[in-house]
Amino acid sequence: MMAIKSGRAIRFGEEKVRPTGRGAIGVTGIEVDDKNDEVIGMICVNKDDKTRTVLVVSENGYGKRTPIDDYRVTNRGGKGVKTINVTDKTGKLVGILDVTEKEDLMITCKTGITIRMPVNGISEQGRATQGVKLIRLDEGDGIAAIIQLNENGPNGNHAQDVKNGIDSTIETPKEKDDPTNPAAEQDPGADV
């Protein structure tokens, strides 16, 4: 599946993409009409895995999960189907993931604020809806990135993630600044 900013997504079989050389342009996955539109993501879905849903998030903090079967299989290079109702309120589509209810979603805003929420807290809705508000944003802020985390980290193995420089533990400001927390960092140059 491929999705574009204007809120459309296309689902086609992997065998429809022929092998090409490293330097080749490749083949068209989805038709992009407007010069300001662009592909924002791609996911690989397994039609037999009924535990996974398609999660989409818009730039103004709206998101939803939709069953994979709501997206019909077509040929590559088509216009696709609506995956989220893009309005001034929701903003453009910024992310697409395939998730399970046991995973968490991490959202990072352009201002640097990051939150983590359980995927099962995001409701399942049809393709043509705008979704629910996932995060309140300040004026002029927007979603910069989304990533899914399972209970053991982004790659399913916390030890391997730490080795690769990915720290899947999230420290809230309260925990960091709490003087009663033995793990809290104390700045030796801070005024006491």
N, C-alpha and C. Protein backbone atom coordinates (compact mmCIF):
# COMPACT_ATOMS: atom_id res chain seq x y z
N MET A 1 0.84 -1.19 0.00
CA MET A 1 0.00 0.00 0.00
C MET A 1 0.88 1.24 0.00
N MET A 2 0.46 2.24 -0.79
CA MET A 2 1.13 3.54 -0.83
C MET A 2 0.08 4.61 -0.55
N ALA A 3 0.47 5.69 0.15
CA ALA A 3 -0.46 6.78 0.46
C ALA A 3 0.16 8.11 0.07
N ILE A 4 -0.70 9.07 -0.28
CA ILE A 4 -0.23 10.41 -0.66
C ILE A 4 -0.88 11.47 0.23
N LYS A 5 -0.27 12.66 0.26
CA LYS A 5 -0.69 13.75 1.14
C LYS A 5 -2.16 14.12 1.01
N SER A 6 -2.71 14.00 -0.18
CA SER A 6 -4.10 14.42 -0.41
C SER A 6 -5.11 13.45 0.19
N GLY A 7 -4.65 12.37 0.83
CA GLY A 7 -5.55 11.48 1.56
C GLY A 7 -5.97 10.24 0.82
N ARG A 8 -5.29 9.90 -0.28
CA ARG A 8 -5.62 8.69 -1.02
C ARG A 8 -4.56 7.62 -0.79
N ALA A 9 -4.97 6.35 -0.92
CA ALA A 9 -4.05 5.22 -0.78
C ALA A 9 -4.40 4.18 -1.84
N ILE A 10 -3.40 3.41 -2.23
CA ILE A 10 -3.61 2.35 -3.21
C ILE A 10 -3.02 1.06 -2.67
N ARG A 11 -3.70 -0.04 -2.98
CA ARG A 11 -3.23 -1.37 -2.55
C ARG A 11 -3.10 -2.24 -3.79
N PHE A 12 -1.92 -2.79 -3.99
CA PHE A 12 -1.70 -3.67 -5.14
C PHE A 12 -0.74 -4.77 -4.75
N GLY A 13 -0.76 -5.85 -5.52
CA GLY A 13 0.08 -6.99 -5.23
C GLY A 13 1.55 -6.71 -5.51
N GLU A 14 2.41 -7.27 -4.68
CA GLU A 14 3.85 -7.08 -4.83
C GLU A 14 4.34 -7.57 -6.18
N GLU A 15 3.70 -8.61 -6.71
CA GLU A 15 4.13 -9.17 -7.99
C GLU A 15 3.88 -8.21 -9.16
N LYS A 16 3.10 -7.15 -8.94
CA LYS A 16 2.84 -6.16 -9.98
C LYS A 16 4.04 -5.24 -10.20
N VAL A 17 4.99 -5.25 -9.28
CA VAL A 17 6.19 -4.42 -9.42
C VAL A 17 7.32 -5.30 -9.93
N ARG A 18 7.67 -5.11 -11.19
CA ARG A 18 8.69 -5.96 -11.78
C ARG A 18 10.08 -5.58 -11.27
N PRO A 19 10.98 -6.53 -11.18
CA PRO A 19 12.35 -6.23 -10.76
C PRO A 19 13.05 -5.34 -11.80
N THR A 20 13.77 -4.35 -11.33
CA THR A 20 14.54 -3.48 -12.22
C THR A 20 15.93 -3.30 -11.64
N GLY A 21 16.81 -2.73 -12.41
CA GLY A 21 18.18 -2.49 -11.95
C GLY A 21 18.26 -1.38 -10.93
N ARG A 22 19.39 -1.29 -10.25
CA ARG A 22 19.59 -0.29 -9.20
C ARG A 22 19.45 1.14 -9.73
N GLY A 23 19.90 1.38 -10.94
CA GLY A 23 19.86 2.72 -11.51
C GLY A 23 18.58 3.05 -12.25
N ALA A 24 17.64 2.13 -12.31
CA ALA A 24 16.40 2.35 -13.06
C ALA A 24 15.45 3.27 -12.30
N ILE A 25 14.57 3.92 -13.04
CA ILE A 25 13.57 4.80 -12.44
C ILE A 25 12.55 4.01 -11.64
N GLY A 26 12.21 2.83 -12.09
CA GLY A 26 11.19 2.02 -11.42
C GLY A 26 9.86 2.15 -12.14
N VAL A 27 8.79 1.72 -11.49
CA VAL A 27 7.46 1.75 -12.08
C VAL A 27 6.54 2.62 -11.22
N THR A 28 5.47 3.10 -11.81
CA THR A 28 4.52 3.96 -11.09
C THR A 28 3.73 3.13 -10.08
N GLY A 29 3.67 3.63 -8.85
CA GLY A 29 2.89 2.97 -7.82
C GLY A 29 1.51 3.57 -7.68
N ILE A 30 1.44 4.91 -7.63
CA ILE A 30 0.17 5.63 -7.48
C ILE A 30 0.25 6.91 -8.30
N GLU A 31 -0.87 7.29 -8.89
CA GLU A 31 -0.93 8.51 -9.69
C GLU A 31 -1.03 9.72 -8.77
N VAL A 32 -0.16 10.71 -8.99
CA VAL A 32 -0.16 11.94 -8.21
C VAL A 32 -0.53 13.07 -9.16
N ASP A 33 -1.70 13.70 -8.97
CA ASP A 33 -2.20 14.72 -9.89
C ASP A 33 -1.55 16.08 -9.68
N ASP A 34 -1.60 16.57 -8.47
CA ASP A 34 -1.15 17.92 -8.15
C ASP A 34 0.35 17.94 -7.94
N LYS A 35 1.02 18.99 -8.41
CA LYS A 35 2.47 19.08 -8.22
C LYS A 35 2.86 19.29 -6.76
N ASN A 36 1.90 19.71 -5.91
CA ASN A 36 2.17 19.87 -4.48
C ASN A 36 1.90 18.59 -3.69
N ASP A 37 1.33 17.59 -4.34
CA ASP A 37 1.04 16.32 -3.68
C ASP A 37 2.27 15.42 -3.77
N GLU A 38 2.39 14.48 -2.85
CA GLU A 38 3.52 13.55 -2.88
C GLU A 38 3.22 12.33 -2.04
N VAL A 39 3.97 11.27 -2.28
CA VAL A 39 3.84 10.04 -1.49
C VAL A 39 4.41 10.30 -0.10
N ILE A 40 3.64 9.91 0.92
CA ILE A 40 4.08 10.12 2.31
C ILE A 40 4.49 8.82 3.00
N GLY A 41 4.20 7.69 2.37
CA GLY A 41 4.59 6.44 3.00
C GLY A 41 4.11 5.23 2.24
N MET A 42 4.68 4.10 2.63
CA MET A 42 4.32 2.82 2.04
C MET A 42 4.38 1.77 3.12
N ILE A 43 3.45 0.83 3.09
CA ILE A 43 3.47 -0.28 4.03
C ILE A 43 3.25 -1.57 3.26
N CYS A 44 3.74 -2.66 3.80
CA CYS A 44 3.49 -3.98 3.25
C CYS A 44 2.48 -4.65 4.16
N VAL A 45 1.36 -5.10 3.59
CA VAL A 45 0.31 -5.72 4.39
C VAL A 45 0.14 -7.17 3.96
N ASN A 46 -0.28 -7.99 4.90
CA ASN A 46 -0.53 -9.41 4.64
C ASN A 46 -2.04 -9.62 4.72
N LYS A 47 -2.65 -10.00 3.60
CA LYS A 47 -4.11 -10.13 3.56
C LYS A 47 -4.64 -11.17 4.52
N ASP A 48 -3.81 -12.12 4.95
CA ASP A 48 -4.26 -13.18 5.84
C ASP A 48 -4.16 -12.80 7.31
N ASP A 49 -3.47 -11.71 7.64
CA ASP A 49 -3.29 -11.30 9.03
C ASP A 49 -4.42 -10.35 9.43
N LYS A 50 -5.42 -10.87 10.11
CA LYS A 50 -6.60 -10.08 10.49
C LYS A 50 -6.36 -9.27 11.77
N THR A 51 -5.20 -9.43 12.43
CA THR A 51 -4.92 -8.68 13.65
C THR A 51 -4.38 -7.29 13.35
N ARG A 52 -3.98 -7.03 12.12
CA ARG A 52 -3.37 -5.76 11.76
C ARG A 52 -4.38 -4.83 11.10
N THR A 53 -4.24 -3.54 11.36
CA THR A 53 -5.09 -2.52 10.74
C THR A 53 -4.19 -1.44 10.14
N VAL A 54 -4.76 -0.64 9.26
CA VAL A 54 -4.03 0.47 8.64
C VAL A 54 -4.28 1.72 9.48
N LEU A 55 -3.22 2.31 9.99
CA LEU A 55 -3.31 3.53 10.80
C LEU A 55 -2.84 4.70 9.95
N VAL A 56 -3.65 5.75 9.87
CA VAL A 56 -3.27 6.97 9.17
C VAL A 56 -3.35 8.15 10.12
N VAL A 57 -2.44 9.11 9.95
CA VAL A 57 -2.38 10.29 10.81
C VAL A 57 -2.24 11.52 9.92
N SER A 58 -2.99 12.58 10.26
CA SER A 58 -2.92 13.83 9.50
C SER A 58 -2.07 14.85 10.23
N GLU A 59 -1.67 15.91 9.51
CA GLU A 59 -0.72 16.87 10.07
C GLU A 59 -1.27 17.67 11.24
N ASN A 60 -2.60 17.77 11.39
CA ASN A 60 -3.18 18.52 12.50
C ASN A 60 -3.56 17.63 13.68
N GLY A 61 -3.05 16.40 13.71
CA GLY A 61 -3.21 15.54 14.87
C GLY A 61 -4.39 14.60 14.86
N TYR A 62 -5.02 14.40 13.72
CA TYR A 62 -6.14 13.45 13.61
C TYR A 62 -5.63 12.11 13.10
N GLY A 63 -6.27 11.03 13.55
CA GLY A 63 -5.86 9.71 13.10
C GLY A 63 -6.96 8.70 13.30
N LYS A 64 -6.78 7.53 12.69
CA LYS A 64 -7.75 6.45 12.81
C LYS A 64 -7.12 5.17 12.31
N ARG A 65 -7.78 4.07 12.69
CA ARG A 65 -7.38 2.75 12.18
C ARG A 65 -8.51 2.24 11.30
N THR A 66 -8.13 1.56 10.22
CA THR A 66 -9.11 1.01 9.28
C THR A 66 -8.71 -0.42 8.95
N PRO A 67 -9.66 -1.35 8.92
CA PRO A 67 -9.32 -2.74 8.54
C PRO A 67 -8.71 -2.79 7.14
N ILE A 68 -7.73 -3.66 6.97
CA ILE A 68 -7.04 -3.79 5.68
C ILE A 68 -8.02 -4.17 4.57
N ASP A 69 -9.03 -4.98 4.89
CA ASP A 69 -9.99 -5.43 3.88
C ASP A 69 -10.84 -4.30 3.31
N ASP A 70 -10.86 -3.11 3.97
CA ASP A 70 -11.60 -1.97 3.43
C ASP A 70 -10.93 -1.39 2.18
N TYR A 71 -9.68 -1.79 1.93
CA TYR A 71 -8.94 -1.33 0.75
C TYR A 71 -8.93 -2.45 -0.28
N ARG A 72 -9.59 -2.24 -1.40
CA ARG A 72 -9.62 -3.28 -2.42
C ARG A 72 -8.27 -3.35 -3.12
N VAL A 73 -7.93 -4.53 -3.60
CA VAL A 73 -6.68 -4.73 -4.34
C VAL A 73 -6.92 -4.29 -5.77
N THR A 74 -6.04 -3.42 -6.29
CA THR A 74 -6.15 -2.91 -7.65
C THR A 74 -4.80 -3.10 -8.36
N ASN A 75 -4.70 -2.57 -9.55
CA ASN A 75 -3.42 -2.54 -10.24
C ASN A 75 -2.64 -1.33 -9.77
N ARG A 76 -1.33 -1.40 -9.86
CA ARG A 76 -0.50 -0.25 -9.49
C ARG A 76 -0.70 0.86 -10.52
N GLY A 77 -0.36 2.08 -10.15
CA GLY A 77 -0.45 3.21 -11.07
C GLY A 77 -1.81 3.88 -11.12
N GLY A 78 -2.76 3.42 -10.31
CA GLY A 78 -4.09 4.03 -10.29
C GLY A 78 -4.15 5.22 -9.35
N LYS A 79 -5.34 5.81 -9.24
CA LYS A 79 -5.54 6.96 -8.36
C LYS A 79 -5.65 6.56 -6.90
N GLY A 80 -6.03 5.32 -6.62
CA GLY A 80 -6.23 4.87 -5.26
C GLY A 80 -7.61 5.24 -4.75
N VAL A 81 -7.83 5.03 -3.45
CA VAL A 81 -9.11 5.32 -2.81
C VAL A 81 -8.86 6.22 -1.61
N LYS A 82 -9.91 6.91 -1.16
CA LYS A 82 -9.79 7.81 -0.02
C LYS A 82 -9.46 6.99 1.23
N THR A 83 -8.43 7.41 1.95
CA THR A 83 -8.06 6.73 3.19
C THR A 83 -8.32 7.60 4.41
N ILE A 84 -8.42 8.92 4.21
CA ILE A 84 -8.81 9.85 5.27
C ILE A 84 -9.43 11.06 4.60
N ASN A 85 -10.44 11.62 5.24
CA ASN A 85 -11.10 12.80 4.70
C ASN A 85 -10.26 14.02 5.04
N VAL A 86 -9.54 14.54 4.06
CA VAL A 86 -8.65 15.69 4.26
C VAL A 86 -9.46 16.98 4.17
N THR A 87 -9.41 17.78 5.26
CA THR A 87 -10.09 19.08 5.32
C THR A 87 -9.11 20.08 5.92
N ASP A 88 -9.53 21.35 6.01
CA ASP A 88 -8.70 22.36 6.67
C ASP A 88 -8.50 22.00 8.14
N LYS A 89 -9.51 21.37 8.73
CA LYS A 89 -9.45 20.98 10.14
C LYS A 89 -8.42 19.87 10.38
N THR A 90 -8.37 18.86 9.50
CA THR A 90 -7.47 17.73 9.70
C THR A 90 -6.07 17.99 9.15
N GLY A 91 -5.99 18.75 8.08
CA GLY A 91 -4.70 18.95 7.41
C GLY A 91 -4.39 17.76 6.50
N LYS A 92 -3.28 17.82 5.83
CA LYS A 92 -2.86 16.77 4.90
C LYS A 92 -2.46 15.50 5.63
N LEU A 93 -2.46 14.40 4.92
CA LEU A 93 -2.01 13.12 5.46
C LEU A 93 -0.49 13.15 5.61
N VAL A 94 0.02 12.70 6.76
CA VAL A 94 1.48 12.71 6.98
C VAL A 94 2.07 11.34 7.27
N GLY A 95 1.23 10.35 7.60
CA GLY A 95 1.80 9.04 7.93
C GLY A 95 0.82 7.90 7.77
N ILE A 96 1.38 6.74 7.41
CA ILE A 96 0.59 5.51 7.29
C ILE A 96 1.43 4.38 7.87
N LEU A 97 0.80 3.55 8.70
CA LEU A 97 1.47 2.40 9.33
C LEU A 97 0.51 1.23 9.36
N ASP A 98 1.04 0.01 9.40
CA ASP A 98 0.19 -1.15 9.69
C ASP A 98 0.50 -1.57 11.11
N VAL A 99 -0.52 -1.65 11.95
CA VAL A 99 -0.33 -1.80 13.39
C VAL A 99 -1.23 -2.90 13.95
N THR A 100 -0.88 -3.37 15.15
CA THR A 100 -1.74 -4.26 15.92
C THR A 100 -2.13 -3.55 17.21
N GLU A 101 -3.11 -4.08 17.90
CA GLU A 101 -3.58 -3.46 19.14
C GLU A 101 -2.57 -3.58 20.27
N LYS A 102 -1.57 -4.45 20.13
CA LYS A 102 -0.58 -4.62 21.19
C LYS A 102 0.57 -3.62 21.09
N GLU A 103 0.60 -2.84 20.03
CA GLU A 103 1.68 -1.88 19.82
C GLU A 103 1.31 -0.51 20.36
N ASP A 104 2.31 0.35 20.44
CA ASP A 104 2.11 1.75 20.81
C ASP A 104 2.45 2.62 19.61
N LEU A 105 1.93 3.83 19.62
CA LEU A 105 2.22 4.82 18.59
C LEU A 105 2.98 5.96 19.22
N MET A 106 4.08 6.37 18.61
CA MET A 106 4.82 7.53 19.07
C MET A 106 4.66 8.63 18.03
N ILE A 107 4.21 9.80 18.47
CA ILE A 107 3.99 10.94 17.60
C ILE A 107 4.96 12.04 18.00
N THR A 108 5.68 12.58 17.02
CA THR A 108 6.60 13.69 17.25
C THR A 108 6.10 14.90 16.47
N CYS A 109 6.02 16.04 17.16
CA CYS A 109 5.55 17.28 16.54
C CYS A 109 6.74 18.07 16.01
N LYS A 110 6.47 19.04 15.16
CA LYS A 110 7.51 19.89 14.59
C LYS A 110 8.24 20.69 15.66
N THR A 111 7.56 21.00 16.77
CA THR A 111 8.19 21.75 17.86
C THR A 111 9.02 20.86 18.78
N GLY A 112 9.03 19.55 18.52
CA GLY A 112 9.84 18.64 19.31
C GLY A 112 9.08 17.88 20.38
N ILE A 113 7.83 18.19 20.61
CA ILE A 113 7.03 17.47 21.60
C ILE A 113 6.75 16.07 21.09
N THR A 114 6.93 15.08 21.95
CA THR A 114 6.71 13.68 21.58
C THR A 114 5.78 13.04 22.59
N ILE A 115 4.79 12.29 22.09
CA ILE A 115 3.91 11.55 22.99
C ILE A 115 3.87 10.09 22.55
N ARG A 116 3.53 9.24 23.50
CA ARG A 116 3.38 7.81 23.23
C ARG A 116 1.99 7.40 23.69
N MET A 117 1.28 6.68 22.83
CA MET A 117 -0.07 6.25 23.18
C MET A 117 -0.29 4.83 22.69
N PRO A 118 -1.17 4.08 23.36
CA PRO A 118 -1.46 2.72 22.89
C PRO A 118 -2.32 2.76 21.63
N VAL A 119 -2.02 1.89 20.70
CA VAL A 119 -2.78 1.82 19.45
C VAL A 119 -4.22 1.44 19.72
N ASN A 120 -4.46 0.59 20.74
CA ASN A 120 -5.84 0.17 21.00
C ASN A 120 -6.71 1.31 21.51
N GLY A 121 -6.13 2.46 21.82
CA GLY A 121 -6.90 3.64 22.22
C GLY A 121 -7.37 4.46 21.03
N ILE A 122 -6.97 4.07 19.82
CA ILE A 122 -7.37 4.78 18.59
C ILE A 122 -8.49 3.96 17.95
N SER A 123 -9.63 4.59 17.72
CA SER A 123 -10.79 3.84 17.23
C SER A 123 -10.65 3.42 15.77
N GLU A 124 -11.31 2.30 15.45
CA GLU A 124 -11.39 1.84 14.06
C GLU A 124 -12.54 2.57 13.40
N GLN A 125 -12.29 3.12 12.20
CA GLN A 125 -13.30 3.85 11.46
C GLN A 125 -13.18 3.51 9.98
N GLY A 126 -14.17 3.89 9.22
CA GLY A 126 -14.16 3.66 7.78
C GLY A 126 -13.13 4.52 7.07
N ARG A 127 -12.90 4.22 5.79
CA ARG A 127 -11.89 4.94 5.02
C ARG A 127 -12.20 6.41 4.83
N ALA A 128 -13.46 6.77 4.64
CA ALA A 128 -13.81 8.14 4.25
C ALA A 128 -14.11 9.05 5.44
N THR A 129 -13.62 8.75 6.62
CA THR A 129 -13.85 9.59 7.79
C THR A 129 -12.60 10.39 8.11
N GLN A 130 -12.73 11.40 8.97
CA GLN A 130 -11.58 12.24 9.30
C GLN A 130 -10.77 11.72 10.48
N GLY A 131 -11.31 10.79 11.25
CA GLY A 131 -10.59 10.25 12.39
C GLY A 131 -10.88 11.01 13.66
N VAL A 132 -10.11 10.69 14.69
CA VAL A 132 -10.27 11.32 16.00
C VAL A 132 -9.01 12.11 16.33
N LYS A 133 -9.15 13.06 17.24
CA LYS A 133 -8.01 13.90 17.64
C LYS A 133 -7.07 13.05 18.49
N LEU A 134 -5.82 12.89 18.05
CA LEU A 134 -4.83 12.11 18.79
C LEU A 134 -3.99 12.98 19.71
N ILE A 135 -3.74 14.23 19.31
CA ILE A 135 -2.90 15.13 20.08
C ILE A 135 -3.35 16.56 19.84
N ARG A 136 -3.37 17.36 20.91
CA ARG A 136 -3.67 18.78 20.77
C ARG A 136 -2.39 19.50 20.37
N LEU A 137 -2.49 20.33 19.37
CA LEU A 137 -1.32 21.04 18.86
C LEU A 137 -1.47 22.54 19.09
N ASP A 138 -0.34 23.20 19.34
CA ASP A 138 -0.34 24.66 19.44
C ASP A 138 -0.48 25.25 18.05
N GLU A 139 -0.85 26.50 17.99
CA GLU A 139 -1.00 27.22 16.71
C GLU A 139 0.32 27.16 15.93
N GLY A 140 0.23 26.77 14.69
CA GLY A 140 1.42 26.71 13.82
C GLY A 140 2.22 25.42 13.94
N ASP A 141 1.86 24.55 14.88
CA ASP A 141 2.57 23.28 15.04
C ASP A 141 1.92 22.23 14.15
N GLY A 142 2.60 21.13 13.94
CA GLY A 142 2.07 20.03 13.14
C GLY A 142 2.81 18.76 13.45
N ILE A 143 2.30 17.65 12.94
CA ILE A 143 2.95 16.36 13.15
C ILE A 143 4.16 16.26 12.22
N ALA A 144 5.30 15.89 12.79
CA ALA A 144 6.52 15.73 12.00
C ALA A 144 6.77 14.27 11.64
N ALA A 145 6.47 13.35 12.57
CA ALA A 145 6.75 11.94 12.32
C ALA A 145 5.92 11.06 13.24
N ILE A 146 5.67 9.83 12.77
CA ILE A 146 5.02 8.82 13.59
C ILE A 146 5.80 7.53 13.45
N ILE A 147 5.78 6.73 14.51
CA ILE A 147 6.43 5.42 14.49
C ILE A 147 5.67 4.49 15.41
N GLN A 148 5.66 3.23 15.07
CA GLN A 148 5.01 2.25 15.93
C GLN A 148 6.06 1.58 16.80
N LEU A 149 5.68 1.28 18.04
CA LEU A 149 6.56 0.60 18.98
C LEU A 149 5.80 -0.59 19.54
N ASN A 150 6.42 -1.77 19.52
CA ASN A 150 5.77 -2.85 20.24
C ASN A 150 6.30 -2.84 21.66
N GLU A 151 5.85 -3.77 22.49
CA GLU A 151 6.20 -3.72 23.91
C GLU A 151 7.69 -3.88 24.17
N ASN A 152 8.45 -4.36 23.19
CA ASN A 152 9.89 -4.54 23.38
C ASN A 152 10.73 -3.50 22.64
N GLY A 153 10.11 -2.49 22.02
CA GLY A 153 10.87 -1.48 21.30
C GLY A 153 10.49 -1.47 19.83
N PRO A 154 11.05 -0.52 19.05
CA PRO A 154 10.67 -0.38 17.65
C PRO A 154 10.92 -1.63 16.82
N ASN A 155 11.95 -2.38 17.12
CA ASN A 155 12.28 -3.55 16.32
C ASN A 155 11.93 -4.86 17.01
N GLY A 156 11.26 -4.78 18.18
CA GLY A 156 10.84 -5.98 18.87
C GLY A 156 11.89 -6.55 19.81
N ASN A 157 13.07 -5.94 19.87
CA ASN A 157 14.14 -6.45 20.71
C ASN A 157 14.83 -5.26 21.36
N HIS A 158 14.51 -4.98 22.64
CA HIS A 158 15.04 -3.80 23.31
C HIS A 158 16.57 -3.80 23.35
N ALA A 159 17.17 -4.94 23.64
CA ALA A 159 18.64 -5.01 23.72
C ALA A 159 19.26 -4.65 22.37
N GLN A 160 18.70 -5.18 21.29
CA GLN A 160 19.22 -4.88 19.95
C GLN A 160 18.99 -3.41 19.60
N ASP A 161 17.84 -2.85 20.02
CA ASP A 161 17.56 -1.44 19.74
C ASP A 161 18.59 -0.54 20.42
N VAL A 162 18.92 -0.83 21.69
CA VAL A 162 19.91 -0.02 22.41
C VAL A 162 21.26 -0.12 21.71
N LYS A 163 21.62 -1.33 21.28
CA LYS A 163 22.88 -1.53 20.56
C LYS A 163 22.93 -0.70 19.28
N ASN A 164 21.74 -0.56 18.62
CA ASN A 164 21.66 0.20 17.38
C ASN A 164 21.44 1.69 17.61
N GLY A 165 21.43 2.12 18.87
CA GLY A 165 21.27 3.53 19.18
C GLY A 165 19.83 3.99 19.28
N ILE A 166 18.88 3.06 19.36
CA ILE A 166 17.47 3.41 19.49
C ILE A 166 17.07 3.12 20.92
N ASP A 167 16.71 4.17 21.67
CA ASP A 167 16.26 3.98 23.04
C ASP A 167 14.74 4.04 23.05
N SER A 168 14.09 2.90 23.23
CA SER A 168 12.63 2.85 23.17
C SER A 168 11.99 3.20 24.50
N THR A 169 12.78 3.48 25.53
CA THR A 169 12.19 3.92 26.78
C THR A 169 11.97 5.42 26.69
N ILE A 170 10.84 5.86 27.16
CA ILE A 170 10.51 7.27 27.07
C ILE A 170 10.44 7.84 28.46
N GLU A 171 11.18 8.90 28.69
CA GLU A 171 11.23 9.54 29.99
C GLU A 171 10.39 10.80 29.93
N THR A 172 9.40 10.89 30.81
CA THR A 172 8.57 12.08 30.82
C THR A 172 9.31 13.18 31.57
N PRO A 173 8.99 14.45 31.31
CA PRO A 173 9.66 15.55 32.02
C PRO A 173 9.52 15.43 33.53
N LYS A 174 8.36 14.94 34.02
CA LYS A 174 8.16 14.80 35.47
C LYS A 174 9.18 13.83 36.06
N GLU A 175 9.39 12.69 35.39
CA GLU A 175 10.34 11.71 35.89
C GLU A 175 11.76 12.27 35.87
N LYS A 176 12.10 13.02 34.84
CA LYS A 176 13.45 13.54 34.69
C LYS A 176 13.76 14.60 35.75
N ASP A 177 12.79 15.46 36.06
CA ASP A 177 13.03 16.58 36.96
C ASP A 177 12.64 16.31 38.41
N ASP A 178 12.09 15.13 38.68
CA ASP A 178 11.61 14.80 40.02
C ASP A 178 12.81 14.51 40.92
N PRO A 179 13.09 15.35 41.95
CA PRO A 179 14.25 15.13 42.83
C PRO A 179 14.12 13.86 43.68
N THR A 180 12.90 13.33 43.84
CA THR A 180 12.73 12.09 44.61
C THR A 180 13.01 10.86 43.77
N ASN A 181 13.14 11.05 42.46
CA ASN A 181 13.43 9.94 41.56
C ASN A 181 14.95 9.74 41.53
N PRO A 182 15.45 8.58 41.99
CA PRO A 182 16.90 8.36 42.03
C PRO A 182 17.53 8.37 40.64
N ALA A 183 16.72 8.16 39.60
CA ALA A 183 17.26 8.16 38.24
C ALA A 183 17.26 9.55 37.63
N ALA A 184 16.69 10.53 38.36
CA ALA A 184 16.61 11.88 37.81
C ALA A 184 18.00 12.46 37.66
N GLU A 185 18.19 13.17 36.56
CA GLU A 185 19.49 13.81 36.31
C GLU A 185 19.56 15.10 37.09
N GLN A 186 20.66 15.31 37.75
CA GLN A 186 20.87 16.55 38.47
C GLN A 186 21.98 17.33 37.76
N ASP A 187 21.70 18.59 37.46
CA ASP A 187 22.66 19.44 36.79
C ASP A 187 23.60 20.03 37.84
N PRO A 188 24.90 19.64 37.79
CA PRO A 188 25.81 20.14 38.82
C PRO A 188 25.99 21.65 38.77
N GLY A 189 25.71 22.29 37.65
CA GLY A 189 25.87 23.74 37.55
C GLY A 189 24.62 24.51 37.86
N ALA A 190 23.54 23.80 38.23
CA ALA A 190 22.28 24.49 38.50
C ALA A 190 22.31 25.18 39.85
N ASP A 191 21.60 26.30 39.94
CA ASP A 191 21.48 27.00 41.21
C ASP A 191 20.65 26.18 42.17
N VAL A 192 21.08 26.13 43.42
CA VAL A 192 20.36 25.34 44.41
C VAL A 192 19.58 26.26 45.32
